[in-house]
Full PDB file with SEQRES, HELIX, SHEET, SSBOND, CRYST1, ORIGX, SCALE, CONECT and MASTER records, all heavy atoms in Angstrom:
SEQRES   1 A   45  GLY GLY SER LEU ARG LEU SER CYS THR ALA SER GLY ILE          
SEQRES   2 A   45  ILE SER SER ILE ASP VAL MET ALA TRP TYR ARG GLN GLY          
SEQRES   3 A   45  PRO GLY LYS GLU ARG GLU MET VAL ALA GLN ILE GLN ARG          
SEQRES   4 A   45  LEU GLY MET THR THR TYR                                      
SHEET    1 AA1 3 MET A  20  ARG A  24  0                                        
SHEET    2 AA1 3 GLU A  32  ILE A  37 -1                                        
SHEET    3 AA1 3 THR A  43  THR A  44 -1                                        
CRYST1    1.000    1.000    1.000  90.00  90.00  90.00 P 1           1          
ORIGX1      1.000000  0.000000  0.000000        0.00000                         
ORIGX2      0.000000  1.000000  0.000000        0.00000                         
ORIGX3      0.000000  0.000000  1.000000        0.00000                         
SCALE1      1.000000  0.000000  0.000000        0.00000                         
SCALE2      0.000000  1.000000  0.000000        0.00000                         
SCALE3      0.000000  0.000000  1.000000        0.00000                         
ATOM      1  N   GLY A   1      29.479 -33.282  -1.200  1.00  0.00           N  
ATOM      2  CA  GLY A   1      30.276 -34.232  -0.484  1.00  0.00           C  
ATOM      3  C   GLY A   1      31.785 -34.258  -0.860  1.00  0.00           C  
ATOM      4  O   GLY A   1      32.607 -34.838  -0.193  1.00  0.00           O  
ATOM      5  N   GLY A   2      32.077 -33.534  -1.952  1.00  0.00           N  
ATOM      6  CA  GLY A   2      33.414 -33.525  -2.466  1.00  0.00           C  
ATOM      7  C   GLY A   2      34.258 -32.476  -1.785  1.00  0.00           C  
ATOM      8  O   GLY A   2      33.854 -31.770  -0.890  1.00  0.00           O  
ATOM      9  N   SER A   3      35.539 -32.305  -2.259  1.00  0.00           N  
ATOM     10  CA  SER A   3      36.452 -31.382  -1.655  1.00  0.00           C  
ATOM     11  C   SER A   3      37.145 -30.546  -2.732  1.00  0.00           C  
ATOM     12  O   SER A   3      37.294 -30.978  -3.871  1.00  0.00           O  
ATOM     13  CB  SER A   3      37.498 -32.174  -0.893  1.00  0.00           C  
ATOM     14  OG  SER A   3      36.956 -32.934   0.186  1.00  0.00           O  
ATOM     15  N   LEU A   4      37.540 -29.369  -2.274  1.00  0.00           N  
ATOM     16  CA  LEU A   4      38.340 -28.419  -3.109  1.00  0.00           C  
ATOM     17  C   LEU A   4      39.321 -27.727  -2.176  1.00  0.00           C  
ATOM     18  O   LEU A   4      39.054 -27.508  -1.016  1.00  0.00           O  
ATOM     19  CB  LEU A   4      37.480 -27.429  -3.834  1.00  0.00           C  
ATOM     20  CG  LEU A   4      36.724 -27.775  -5.071  1.00  0.00           C  
ATOM     21  CD1 LEU A   4      35.866 -26.597  -5.502  1.00  0.00           C  
ATOM     22  CD2 LEU A   4      37.688 -28.257  -6.169  1.00  0.00           C  
ATOM     23  N   ARG A   5      40.487 -27.335  -2.782  1.00  0.00           N  
ATOM     24  CA  ARG A   5      41.422 -26.481  -2.019  1.00  0.00           C  
ATOM     25  C   ARG A   5      41.616 -25.198  -2.802  1.00  0.00           C  
ATOM     26  O   ARG A   5      42.078 -25.231  -3.986  1.00  0.00           O  
ATOM     27  CB  ARG A   5      42.706 -27.199  -1.764  1.00  0.00           C  
ATOM     28  CG  ARG A   5      43.776 -26.336  -1.054  1.00  0.00           C  
ATOM     29  CD  ARG A   5      45.027 -27.091  -0.730  1.00  0.00           C  
ATOM     30  NE  ARG A   5      44.763 -28.054   0.329  1.00  0.00           N  
ATOM     31  CZ  ARG A   5      45.766 -28.740   0.940  1.00  0.00           C  
ATOM     32  NH1 ARG A   5      46.969 -28.577   0.555  1.00  0.00           N  
ATOM     33  NH2 ARG A   5      45.460 -29.631   1.875  1.00  0.00           N  
ATOM     34  N   LEU A   6      41.367 -24.055  -2.171  1.00  0.00           N  
ATOM     35  CA  LEU A   6      41.572 -22.777  -2.744  1.00  0.00           C  
ATOM     36  C   LEU A   6      42.933 -22.270  -2.288  1.00  0.00           C  
ATOM     37  O   LEU A   6      43.329 -22.524  -1.141  1.00  0.00           O  
ATOM     38  CB  LEU A   6      40.479 -21.755  -2.424  1.00  0.00           C  
ATOM     39  CG  LEU A   6      39.069 -22.186  -2.699  1.00  0.00           C  
ATOM     40  CD1 LEU A   6      38.085 -21.080  -2.343  1.00  0.00           C  
ATOM     41  CD2 LEU A   6      38.880 -22.594  -4.197  1.00  0.00           C  
ATOM     42  N   SER A   7      43.598 -21.484  -3.106  1.00  0.00           N  
ATOM     43  CA  SER A   7      44.882 -20.911  -2.766  1.00  0.00           C  
ATOM     44  C   SER A   7      44.903 -19.448  -3.240  1.00  0.00           C  
ATOM     45  O   SER A   7      44.307 -19.049  -4.204  1.00  0.00           O  
ATOM     46  CB  SER A   7      46.049 -21.634  -3.483  1.00  0.00           C  
ATOM     47  OG  SER A   7      47.313 -21.115  -3.069  1.00  0.00           O  
ATOM     48  N   CYS A   8      45.625 -18.657  -2.436  1.00  0.00           N  
ATOM     49  CA  CYS A   8      45.767 -17.204  -2.698  1.00  0.00           C  
ATOM     50  C   CYS A   8      47.212 -16.772  -2.446  1.00  0.00           C  
ATOM     51  O   CYS A   8      47.750 -17.112  -1.415  1.00  0.00           O  
ATOM     52  CB  CYS A   8      44.767 -16.414  -1.847  1.00  0.00           C  
ATOM     53  SG  CYS A   8      45.092 -14.623  -1.822  1.00  0.00           S  
ATOM     54  N   THR A   9      47.796 -16.060  -3.409  1.00  0.00           N  
ATOM     55  CA  THR A   9      49.140 -15.624  -3.278  1.00  0.00           C  
ATOM     56  C   THR A   9      49.152 -14.078  -3.403  1.00  0.00           C  
ATOM     57  O   THR A   9      48.573 -13.511  -4.300  1.00  0.00           O  
ATOM     58  CB  THR A   9      50.058 -16.203  -4.364  1.00  0.00           C  
ATOM     59  OG1 THR A   9      50.077 -17.655  -4.221  1.00  0.00           O  
ATOM     60  CG2 THR A   9      51.457 -15.669  -4.222  1.00  0.00           C  
ATOM     61  N   ALA A  10      49.845 -13.459  -2.421  1.00  0.00           N  
ATOM     62  CA  ALA A  10      49.995 -11.991  -2.476  1.00  0.00           C  
ATOM     63  C   ALA A  10      51.359 -11.686  -3.043  1.00  0.00           C  
ATOM     64  O   ALA A  10      52.390 -12.337  -2.776  1.00  0.00           O  
ATOM     65  CB  ALA A  10      49.920 -11.419  -1.064  1.00  0.00           C  
ATOM     66  N   SER A  11      51.398 -10.600  -3.856  1.00  0.00           N  
ATOM     67  CA  SER A  11      52.687 -10.222  -4.489  1.00  0.00           C  
ATOM     68  C   SER A  11      52.720  -8.673  -4.579  1.00  0.00           C  
ATOM     69  O   SER A  11      51.677  -7.984  -4.425  1.00  0.00           O  
ATOM     70  CB  SER A  11      52.857 -10.820  -5.865  1.00  0.00           C  
ATOM     71  OG  SER A  11      51.755 -10.401  -6.741  1.00  0.00           O  
ATOM     72  N   GLY A  12      53.870  -8.167  -4.825  1.00  0.00           N  
ATOM     73  CA  GLY A  12      54.023  -6.643  -4.902  1.00  0.00           C  
ATOM     74  C   GLY A  12      54.922  -6.202  -3.812  1.00  0.00           C  
ATOM     75  O   GLY A  12      55.754  -6.905  -3.281  1.00  0.00           O  
ATOM     76  N   ILE A  13      54.777  -4.920  -3.462  1.00  0.00           N  
ATOM     77  CA  ILE A  13      55.517  -4.356  -2.382  1.00  0.00           C  
ATOM     78  C   ILE A  13      54.864  -4.636  -1.043  1.00  0.00           C  
ATOM     79  O   ILE A  13      53.922  -4.045  -0.688  1.00  0.00           O  
ATOM     80  CB  ILE A  13      55.667  -2.785  -2.580  1.00  0.00           C  
ATOM     81  CG1 ILE A  13      56.240  -2.458  -3.944  1.00  0.00           C  
ATOM     82  CG2 ILE A  13      56.547  -2.220  -1.453  1.00  0.00           C  
ATOM     83  CD1 ILE A  13      57.577  -3.065  -4.252  1.00  0.00           C  
ATOM     84  N   ILE A  14      55.418  -5.635  -0.338  1.00  0.00           N  
ATOM     85  CA  ILE A  14      54.849  -6.106   0.920  1.00  0.00           C  
ATOM     86  C   ILE A  14      55.935  -6.143   1.946  1.00  0.00           C  
ATOM     87  O   ILE A  14      56.934  -6.745   1.854  1.00  0.00           O  
ATOM     88  CB  ILE A  14      54.297  -7.524   0.695  1.00  0.00           C  
ATOM     89  CG1 ILE A  14      53.146  -7.526  -0.353  1.00  0.00           C  
ATOM     90  CG2 ILE A  14      53.765  -8.105   2.061  1.00  0.00           C  
ATOM     91  CD1 ILE A  14      52.646  -8.930  -0.731  1.00  0.00           C  
ATOM     92  N   SER A  15      55.622  -5.433   3.066  1.00  0.00           N  
ATOM     93  CA  SER A  15      56.444  -5.544   4.280  1.00  0.00           C  
ATOM     94  C   SER A  15      55.976  -6.720   5.153  1.00  0.00           C  
ATOM     95  O   SER A  15      56.798  -7.409   5.654  1.00  0.00           O  
ATOM     96  CB  SER A  15      56.433  -4.209   5.009  1.00  0.00           C  
ATOM     97  OG  SER A  15      57.263  -4.267   6.186  1.00  0.00           O  
ATOM     98  N   SER A  16      54.717  -6.783   5.438  1.00  0.00           N  
ATOM     99  CA  SER A  16      54.130  -7.833   6.255  1.00  0.00           C  
ATOM    100  C   SER A  16      52.694  -7.920   6.012  1.00  0.00           C  
ATOM    101  O   SER A  16      52.011  -7.022   5.503  1.00  0.00           O  
ATOM    102  CB  SER A  16      54.392  -7.570   7.757  1.00  0.00           C  
ATOM    103  OG  SER A  16      53.740  -6.370   8.197  1.00  0.00           O  
ATOM    104  N   ILE A  17      52.108  -9.104   6.329  1.00  0.00           N  
ATOM    105  CA  ILE A  17      50.652  -9.346   6.143  1.00  0.00           C  
ATOM    106  C   ILE A  17      50.115  -9.780   7.550  1.00  0.00           C  
ATOM    107  O   ILE A  17      50.630 -10.696   8.177  1.00  0.00           O  
ATOM    108  CB  ILE A  17      50.388 -10.474   5.174  1.00  0.00           C  
ATOM    109  CG1 ILE A  17      51.026 -10.135   3.796  1.00  0.00           C  
ATOM    110  CG2 ILE A  17      48.927 -10.704   5.001  1.00  0.00           C  
ATOM    111  CD1 ILE A  17      50.855 -11.185   2.792  1.00  0.00           C  
ATOM    112  N   ASP A  18      49.132  -9.018   8.007  1.00  0.00           N  
ATOM    113  CA  ASP A  18      48.506  -9.307   9.246  1.00  0.00           C  
ATOM    114  C   ASP A  18      47.403 -10.419   9.056  1.00  0.00           C  
ATOM    115  O   ASP A  18      47.708 -11.535   8.745  1.00  0.00           O  
ATOM    116  CB  ASP A  18      48.000  -8.048   9.907  1.00  0.00           C  
ATOM    117  CG  ASP A  18      49.102  -7.049  10.212  1.00  0.00           C  
ATOM    118  OD1 ASP A  18      50.276  -7.545  10.496  1.00  0.00           O  
ATOM    119  OD2 ASP A  18      48.896  -5.852  10.160  1.00  0.00           O  
ATOM    120  N   VAL A  19      46.156 -10.039   9.299  1.00  0.00           N  
ATOM    121  CA  VAL A  19      45.075 -10.982   9.145  1.00  0.00           C  
ATOM    122  C   VAL A  19      44.834 -11.293   7.646  1.00  0.00           C  
ATOM    123  O   VAL A  19      44.852 -10.369   6.796  1.00  0.00           O  
ATOM    124  CB  VAL A  19      43.778 -10.460   9.791  1.00  0.00           C  
ATOM    125  CG1 VAL A  19      42.616 -11.400   9.524  1.00  0.00           C  
ATOM    126  CG2 VAL A  19      43.926 -10.296  11.236  1.00  0.00           C  
ATOM    127  N   MET A  20      44.675 -12.596   7.323  1.00  0.00           N  
ATOM    128  CA  MET A  20      44.230 -12.978   6.041  1.00  0.00           C  
ATOM    129  C   MET A  20      42.880 -13.715   6.149  1.00  0.00           C  
ATOM    130  O   MET A  20      42.587 -14.297   7.212  1.00  0.00           O  
ATOM    131  CB  MET A  20      45.255 -13.865   5.318  1.00  0.00           C  
ATOM    132  CG  MET A  20      46.632 -13.242   5.143  1.00  0.00           C  
ATOM    133  SD  MET A  20      47.780 -14.190   4.116  1.00  0.00           S  
ATOM    134  CE  MET A  20      47.121 -13.756   2.495  1.00  0.00           C  
ATOM    135  N   ALA A  21      42.066 -13.630   5.140  1.00  0.00           N  
ATOM    136  CA  ALA A  21      40.709 -14.250   5.253  1.00  0.00           C  
ATOM    137  C   ALA A  21      40.231 -14.651   3.898  1.00  0.00           C  
ATOM    138  O   ALA A  21      40.681 -14.210   2.887  1.00  0.00           O  
ATOM    139  CB  ALA A  21      39.780 -13.206   5.883  1.00  0.00           C  
ATOM    140  N   TRP A  22      39.210 -15.535   3.936  1.00  0.00           N  
ATOM    141  CA  TRP A  22      38.399 -15.911   2.752  1.00  0.00           C  
ATOM    142  C   TRP A  22      36.975 -15.438   2.961  1.00  0.00           C  
ATOM    143  O   TRP A  22      36.378 -15.663   4.055  1.00  0.00           O  
ATOM    144  CB  TRP A  22      38.433 -17.380   2.555  1.00  0.00           C  
ATOM    145  CG  TRP A  22      39.749 -17.920   1.978  1.00  0.00           C  
ATOM    146  CD1 TRP A  22      40.764 -18.428   2.720  1.00  0.00           C  
ATOM    147  CD2 TRP A  22      40.103 -17.939   0.611  1.00  0.00           C  
ATOM    148  NE1 TRP A  22      41.773 -18.765   1.860  1.00  0.00           N  
ATOM    149  CE2 TRP A  22      41.408 -18.466   0.582  1.00  0.00           C  
ATOM    150  CE3 TRP A  22      39.541 -17.576  -0.568  1.00  0.00           C  
ATOM    151  CZ2 TRP A  22      42.097 -18.696  -0.620  1.00  0.00           C  
ATOM    152  CZ3 TRP A  22      40.181 -17.728  -1.736  1.00  0.00           C  
ATOM    153  CH2 TRP A  22      41.500 -18.259  -1.771  1.00  0.00           C  
ATOM    154  N   TYR A  23      36.418 -14.791   1.932  1.00  0.00           N  
ATOM    155  CA  TYR A  23      35.047 -14.389   1.888  1.00  0.00           C  
ATOM    156  C   TYR A  23      34.394 -15.089   0.701  1.00  0.00           C  
ATOM    157  O   TYR A  23      35.042 -15.631  -0.165  1.00  0.00           O  
ATOM    158  CB  TYR A  23      34.945 -12.904   1.713  1.00  0.00           C  
ATOM    159  CG  TYR A  23      35.326 -12.066   2.928  1.00  0.00           C  
ATOM    160  CD1 TYR A  23      36.646 -11.918   3.289  1.00  0.00           C  
ATOM    161  CD2 TYR A  23      34.378 -11.403   3.688  1.00  0.00           C  
ATOM    162  CE1 TYR A  23      37.026 -11.155   4.406  1.00  0.00           C  
ATOM    163  CE2 TYR A  23      34.714 -10.632   4.769  1.00  0.00           C  
ATOM    164  CZ  TYR A  23      36.031 -10.541   5.124  1.00  0.00           C  
ATOM    165  OH  TYR A  23      36.353  -9.737   6.225  1.00  0.00           O  
ATOM    166  N   ARG A  24      33.064 -15.081   0.716  1.00  0.00           N  
ATOM    167  CA  ARG A  24      32.335 -15.669  -0.396  1.00  0.00           C  
ATOM    168  C   ARG A  24      31.018 -14.861  -0.642  1.00  0.00           C  
ATOM    169  O   ARG A  24      30.488 -14.253   0.250  1.00  0.00           O  
ATOM    170  CB  ARG A  24      31.987 -17.118  -0.259  1.00  0.00           C  
ATOM    171  CG  ARG A  24      31.012 -17.418   0.884  1.00  0.00           C  
ATOM    172  CD  ARG A  24      30.784 -18.921   1.067  1.00  0.00           C  
ATOM    173  NE  ARG A  24      29.826 -19.276   2.073  1.00  0.00           N  
ATOM    174  CZ  ARG A  24      29.664 -20.479   2.535  1.00  0.00           C  
ATOM    175  NH1 ARG A  24      30.344 -21.491   2.048  1.00  0.00           N  
ATOM    176  NH2 ARG A  24      28.707 -20.677   3.462  1.00  0.00           N  
ATOM    177  N   GLN A  25      30.547 -14.919  -1.893  1.00  0.00           N  
ATOM    178  CA  GLN A  25      29.342 -14.225  -2.248  1.00  0.00           C  
ATOM    179  C   GLN A  25      28.490 -15.160  -3.130  1.00  0.00           C  
ATOM    180  O   GLN A  25      28.909 -15.414  -4.268  1.00  0.00           O  
ATOM    181  CB  GLN A  25      29.554 -12.889  -2.963  1.00  0.00           C  
ATOM    182  CG  GLN A  25      28.274 -12.129  -3.217  1.00  0.00           C  
ATOM    183  CD  GLN A  25      28.592 -10.666  -3.595  1.00  0.00           C  
ATOM    184  OE1 GLN A  25      29.703 -10.371  -4.053  1.00  0.00           O  
ATOM    185  NE2 GLN A  25      27.549  -9.824  -3.575  1.00  0.00           N  
ATOM    186  N   GLY A  26      27.445 -15.736  -2.617  1.00  0.00           N  
ATOM    187  CA  GLY A  26      26.583 -16.602  -3.394  1.00  0.00           C  
ATOM    188  C   GLY A  26      25.557 -15.812  -4.180  1.00  0.00           C  
ATOM    189  O   GLY A  26      25.420 -14.553  -4.036  1.00  0.00           O  
ATOM    190  N   PRO A  27      24.857 -16.494  -5.093  1.00  0.00           N  
ATOM    191  CA  PRO A  27      23.888 -15.839  -5.962  1.00  0.00           C  
ATOM    192  C   PRO A  27      22.781 -15.068  -5.167  1.00  0.00           C  
ATOM    193  O   PRO A  27      22.161 -15.661  -4.282  1.00  0.00           O  
ATOM    194  CB  PRO A  27      23.224 -16.969  -6.743  1.00  0.00           C  
ATOM    195  CG  PRO A  27      24.293 -18.053  -6.716  1.00  0.00           C  
ATOM    196  CD  PRO A  27      24.910 -17.914  -5.346  1.00  0.00           C  
ATOM    197  N   GLY A  28      22.685 -13.832  -5.384  1.00  0.00           N  
ATOM    198  CA  GLY A  28      21.631 -12.999  -4.705  1.00  0.00           C  
ATOM    199  C   GLY A  28      21.947 -12.762  -3.228  1.00  0.00           C  
ATOM    200  O   GLY A  28      21.064 -12.334  -2.551  1.00  0.00           O  
ATOM    201  N   LYS A  29      23.166 -12.991  -2.794  1.00  0.00           N  
ATOM    202  CA  LYS A  29      23.504 -12.796  -1.367  1.00  0.00           C  
ATOM    203  C   LYS A  29      24.628 -11.747  -1.229  1.00  0.00           C  
ATOM    204  O   LYS A  29      25.334 -11.430  -2.137  1.00  0.00           O  
ATOM    205  CB  LYS A  29      23.963 -14.144  -0.805  1.00  0.00           C  
ATOM    206  CG  LYS A  29      22.890 -15.224  -0.783  1.00  0.00           C  
ATOM    207  CD  LYS A  29      23.387 -16.462  -0.104  1.00  0.00           C  
ATOM    208  CE  LYS A  29      22.318 -17.555  -0.038  1.00  0.00           C  
ATOM    209  NZ  LYS A  29      22.794 -18.786   0.616  1.00  0.00           N  
ATOM    210  N   GLU A  30      24.781 -11.306   0.032  1.00  0.00           N  
ATOM    211  CA  GLU A  30      25.808 -10.388   0.343  1.00  0.00           C  
ATOM    212  C   GLU A  30      27.128 -11.121   0.540  1.00  0.00           C  
ATOM    213  O   GLU A  30      27.123 -12.317   0.921  1.00  0.00           O  
ATOM    214  CB  GLU A  30      25.522  -9.529   1.540  1.00  0.00           C  
ATOM    215  CG  GLU A  30      24.281  -8.621   1.402  1.00  0.00           C  
ATOM    216  CD  GLU A  30      24.562  -7.543   0.369  1.00  0.00           C  
ATOM    217  OE1 GLU A  30      25.675  -6.997   0.369  1.00  0.00           O  
ATOM    218  OE2 GLU A  30      23.704  -7.250  -0.435  1.00  0.00           O  
ATOM    219  N   ARG A  31      28.274 -10.508   0.406  1.00  0.00           N  
ATOM    220  CA  ARG A  31      29.516 -11.109   0.709  1.00  0.00           C  
ATOM    221  C   ARG A  31      29.670 -11.365   2.198  1.00  0.00           C  
ATOM    222  O   ARG A  31      29.312 -10.551   2.997  1.00  0.00           O  
ATOM    223  CB  ARG A  31      30.675 -10.191   0.176  1.00  0.00           C  
ATOM    224  CG  ARG A  31      32.035 -10.829   0.313  1.00  0.00           C  
ATOM    225  CD  ARG A  31      33.085  -9.998  -0.375  1.00  0.00           C  
ATOM    226  NE  ARG A  31      32.821  -9.750  -1.805  1.00  0.00           N  
ATOM    227  CZ  ARG A  31      33.641  -9.188  -2.611  1.00  0.00           C  
ATOM    228  NH1 ARG A  31      34.810  -8.674  -2.148  1.00  0.00           N  
ATOM    229  NH2 ARG A  31      33.333  -8.964  -3.885  1.00  0.00           N  
ATOM    230  N   GLU A  32      30.120 -12.556   2.570  1.00  0.00           N  
ATOM    231  CA  GLU A  32      30.249 -12.912   3.934  1.00  0.00           C  
ATOM    232  C   GLU A  32      31.634 -13.533   4.193  1.00  0.00           C  
ATOM    233  O   GLU A  32      32.279 -14.112   3.333  1.00  0.00           O  
ATOM    234  CB  GLU A  32      29.189 -13.970   4.322  1.00  0.00           C  
ATOM    235  CG  GLU A  32      29.290 -15.294   3.607  1.00  0.00           C  
ATOM    236  CD  GLU A  32      28.349 -16.337   4.110  1.00  0.00           C  
ATOM    237  OE1 GLU A  32      27.736 -16.121   5.186  1.00  0.00           O  
ATOM    238  OE2 GLU A  32      28.167 -17.356   3.391  1.00  0.00           O  
ATOM    239  N   MET A  33      32.049 -13.379   5.419  1.00  0.00           N  
ATOM    240  CA  MET A  33      33.337 -13.955   5.855  1.00  0.00           C  
ATOM    241  C   MET A  33      33.190 -15.458   6.074  1.00  0.00           C  
ATOM    242  O   MET A  33      32.282 -15.818   6.734  1.00  0.00           O  
ATOM    243  CB  MET A  33      33.868 -13.255   7.099  1.00  0.00           C  
ATOM    244  CG  MET A  33      35.311 -13.593   7.477  1.00  0.00           C  
ATOM    245  SD  MET A  33      35.500 -15.133   8.423  1.00  0.00           S  
ATOM    246  CE  MET A  33      34.712 -14.677   9.966  1.00  0.00           C  
ATOM    247  N   VAL A  34      34.108 -16.211   5.512  1.00  0.00           N  
ATOM    248  CA  VAL A  34      34.050 -17.664   5.644  1.00  0.00           C  
ATOM    249  C   VAL A  34      35.090 -18.113   6.708  1.00  0.00           C  
ATOM    250  O   VAL A  34      34.778 -18.918   7.592  1.00  0.00           O  
ATOM    251  CB  VAL A  34      34.371 -18.322   4.310  1.00  0.00           C  
ATOM    252  CG1 VAL A  34      34.449 -19.862   4.500  1.00  0.00           C  
ATOM    253  CG2 VAL A  34      33.356 -17.997   3.246  1.00  0.00           C  
ATOM    254  N   ALA A  35      36.287 -17.626   6.599  1.00  0.00           N  
ATOM    255  CA  ALA A  35      37.367 -17.998   7.613  1.00  0.00           C  
ATOM    256  C   ALA A  35      38.425 -16.954   7.583  1.00  0.00           C  
ATOM    257  O   ALA A  35      38.622 -16.295   6.611  1.00  0.00           O  
ATOM    258  CB  ALA A  35      37.942 -19.356   7.219  1.00  0.00           C  
ATOM    259  N   GLN A  36      39.073 -16.748   8.731  1.00  0.00           N  
ATOM    260  CA  GLN A  36      40.172 -15.807   8.758  1.00  0.00           C  
ATOM    261  C   GLN A  36      41.252 -16.388   9.652  1.00  0.00           C  
ATOM    262  O   GLN A  36      41.026 -17.260  10.509  1.00  0.00           O  
ATOM    263  CB  GLN A  36      39.704 -14.457   9.293  1.00  0.00           C  
ATOM    264  CG  GLN A  36      39.217 -14.406  10.672  1.00  0.00           C  
ATOM    265  CD  GLN A  36      38.749 -13.043  11.115  1.00  0.00           C  
ATOM    266  OE1 GLN A  36      38.165 -12.290  10.288  1.00  0.00           O  
ATOM    267  NE2 GLN A  36      38.881 -12.685  12.342  1.00  0.00           N  
ATOM    268  N   ILE A  37      42.480 -15.942   9.432  1.00  0.00           N  
ATOM    269  CA  ILE A  37      43.625 -16.455  10.164  1.00  0.00           C  
ATOM    270  C   ILE A  37      44.590 -15.316  10.470  1.00  0.00           C  
ATOM    271  O   ILE A  37      44.915 -14.504   9.553  1.00  0.00           O  
ATOM    272  CB  ILE A  37      44.350 -17.615   9.405  1.00  0.00           C  
ATOM    273  CG1 ILE A  37      45.518 -18.115  10.211  1.00  0.00           C  
ATOM    274  CG2 ILE A  37      44.751 -17.136   7.998  1.00  0.00           C  
ATOM    275  CD1 ILE A  37      46.041 -19.443   9.633  1.00  0.00           C  
ATOM    276  N   GLN A  38      45.019 -15.136  11.711  1.00  0.00           N  
ATOM    277  CA  GLN A  38      45.909 -14.159  12.119  1.00  0.00           C  
ATOM    278  C   GLN A  38      47.368 -14.642  11.757  1.00  0.00           C  
ATOM    279  O   GLN A  38      47.605 -15.782  11.415  1.00  0.00           O  
ATOM    280  CB  GLN A  38      45.755 -13.839  13.627  1.00  0.00           C  
ATOM    281  CG  GLN A  38      44.389 -13.266  13.978  1.00  0.00           C  
ATOM    282  CD  GLN A  38      44.239 -13.076  15.473  1.00  0.00           C  
ATOM    283  OE1 GLN A  38      45.175 -13.107  16.233  1.00  0.00           O  
ATOM    284  NE2 GLN A  38      43.021 -12.839  15.897  1.00  0.00           N  
ATOM    285  N   ARG A  39      48.281 -13.659  11.909  1.00  0.00           N  
ATOM    286  CA  ARG A  39      49.623 -13.884  11.450  1.00  0.00           C  
ATOM    287  C   ARG A  39      50.251 -15.128  12.168  1.00  0.00           C  
ATOM    288  O   ARG A  39      50.989 -15.848  11.511  1.00  0.00           O  
ATOM    289  CB  ARG A  39      50.466 -12.641  11.710  1.00  0.00           C  
ATOM    290  CG  ARG A  39      51.952 -12.836  11.230  1.00  0.00           C  
ATOM    291  CD  ARG A  39      52.701 -11.566  11.234  1.00  0.00           C  
ATOM    292  NE  ARG A  39      54.063 -11.785  10.891  1.00  0.00           N  
ATOM    293  CZ  ARG A  39      54.476 -11.871   9.650  1.00  0.00           C  
ATOM    294  NH1 ARG A  39      53.613 -11.809   8.621  1.00  0.00           N  
ATOM    295  NH2 ARG A  39      55.790 -12.074   9.356  1.00  0.00           N  
ATOM    296  N   LEU A  40      49.972 -15.297  13.458  1.00  0.00           N  
ATOM    297  CA  LEU A  40      50.580 -16.365  14.197  1.00  0.00           C  
ATOM    298  C   LEU A  40      49.666 -17.714  14.217  1.00  0.00           C  
ATOM    299  O   LEU A  40      50.066 -18.567  14.939  1.00  0.00           O  
ATOM    300  CB  LEU A  40      50.901 -15.887  15.648  1.00  0.00           C  
ATOM    301  CG  LEU A  40      51.968 -14.870  15.705  1.00  0.00           C  
ATOM    302  CD1 LEU A  40      52.208 -14.478  17.165  1.00  0.00           C  
ATOM    303  CD2 LEU A  40      53.209 -15.218  15.019  1.00  0.00           C  
ATOM    304  N   GLY A  41      48.599 -17.632  13.479  1.00  0.00           N  
ATOM    305  CA  GLY A  41      47.895 -18.833  13.288  1.00  0.00           C  
ATOM    306  C   GLY A  41      46.475 -18.997  13.957  1.00  0.00           C  
ATOM    307  O   GLY A  41      45.828 -20.013  13.711  1.00  0.00           O  
ATOM    308  N   MET A  42      46.067 -18.007  14.702  1.00  0.00           N  
ATOM    309  CA  MET A  42      44.759 -18.082  15.351  1.00  0.00           C  
ATOM    310  C   MET A  42      43.633 -17.972  14.271  1.00  0.00           C  
ATOM    311  O   MET A  42      43.726 -17.083  13.385  1.00  0.00           O  
ATOM    312  CB  MET A  42      44.535 -17.009  16.354  1.00  0.00           C  
ATOM    313  CG  MET A  42      43.228 -17.035  17.111  1.00  0.00           C  
ATOM    314  SD  MET A  42      43.065 -18.461  18.201  1.00  0.00           S  
ATOM    315  CE  MET A  42      44.159 -17.962  19.494  1.00  0.00           C  
ATOM    316  N   THR A  43      42.699 -18.883  14.275  1.00  0.00           N  
ATOM    317  CA  THR A  43      41.688 -18.914  13.239  1.00  0.00           C  
ATOM    318  C   THR A  43      40.277 -18.696  13.737  1.00  0.00           C  
ATOM    319  O   THR A  43      39.951 -18.902  14.929  1.00  0.00           O  
ATOM    320  CB  THR A  43      41.725 -20.306  12.550  1.00  0.00           C  
ATOM    321  OG1 THR A  43      41.481 -21.336  13.522  1.00  0.00           O  
ATOM    322  CG2 THR A  43      43.064 -20.610  11.851  1.00  0.00           C  
ATOM    323  N   THR A  44      39.427 -18.198  12.827  1.00  0.00           N  
ATOM    324  CA  THR A  44      38.018 -17.984  13.065  1.00  0.00           C  
ATOM    325  C   THR A  44      37.217 -18.515  11.883  1.00  0.00           C  
ATOM    326  O   THR A  44      37.622 -18.250  10.723  1.00  0.00           O  
ATOM    327  CB  THR A  44      37.714 -16.497  13.335  1.00  0.00           C  
ATOM    328  OG1 THR A  44      38.519 -16.077  14.436  1.00  0.00           O  
ATOM    329  CG2 THR A  44      36.234 -16.326  13.669  1.00  0.00           C  
ATOM    330  N   TYR A  45      36.056 -19.160  12.126  1.00  0.00           N  
ATOM    331  CA  TYR A  45      35.288 -19.702  11.079  1.00  0.00           C  
ATOM    332  C   TYR A  45      33.841 -19.283  11.219  1.00  0.00           C  
ATOM    333  O   TYR A  45      33.335 -19.117  12.298  1.00  0.00           O  
ATOM    334  CB  TYR A  45      35.338 -21.203  11.026  1.00  0.00           C  
ATOM    335  CG  TYR A  45      36.721 -21.805  10.762  1.00  0.00           C  
ATOM    336  CD1 TYR A  45      37.589 -22.066  11.807  1.00  0.00           C  
ATOM    337  CD2 TYR A  45      37.131 -22.012   9.420  1.00  0.00           C  
ATOM    338  CE1 TYR A  45      38.829 -22.656  11.486  1.00  0.00           C  
ATOM    339  CE2 TYR A  45      38.412 -22.554   9.144  1.00  0.00           C  
ATOM    340  CZ  TYR A  45      39.238 -22.837  10.193  1.00  0.00           C  
ATOM    341  OH  TYR A  45      40.480 -23.345   9.929  1.00  0.00           O  
TER     342      TYR A  45                                                      
MASTER        0    0    0    0    3    0    0    6  341    1    0    4          
END                                                                             
C-alpha cells in the first residue's frame, strides 16, 4: 500500500534519447516491461 519513486539519469556522450522505459525482474521470473515513455510523452504500461 505504500509508495516509492524511482529515478534514472543518463550521462555520457548523448545526442538524443528516444524511448525510455522501466523493466523489472522478480525472483524466479523473466525480466518484463513495466512502463515506457516516448520522447514527446506518449506512455504505455
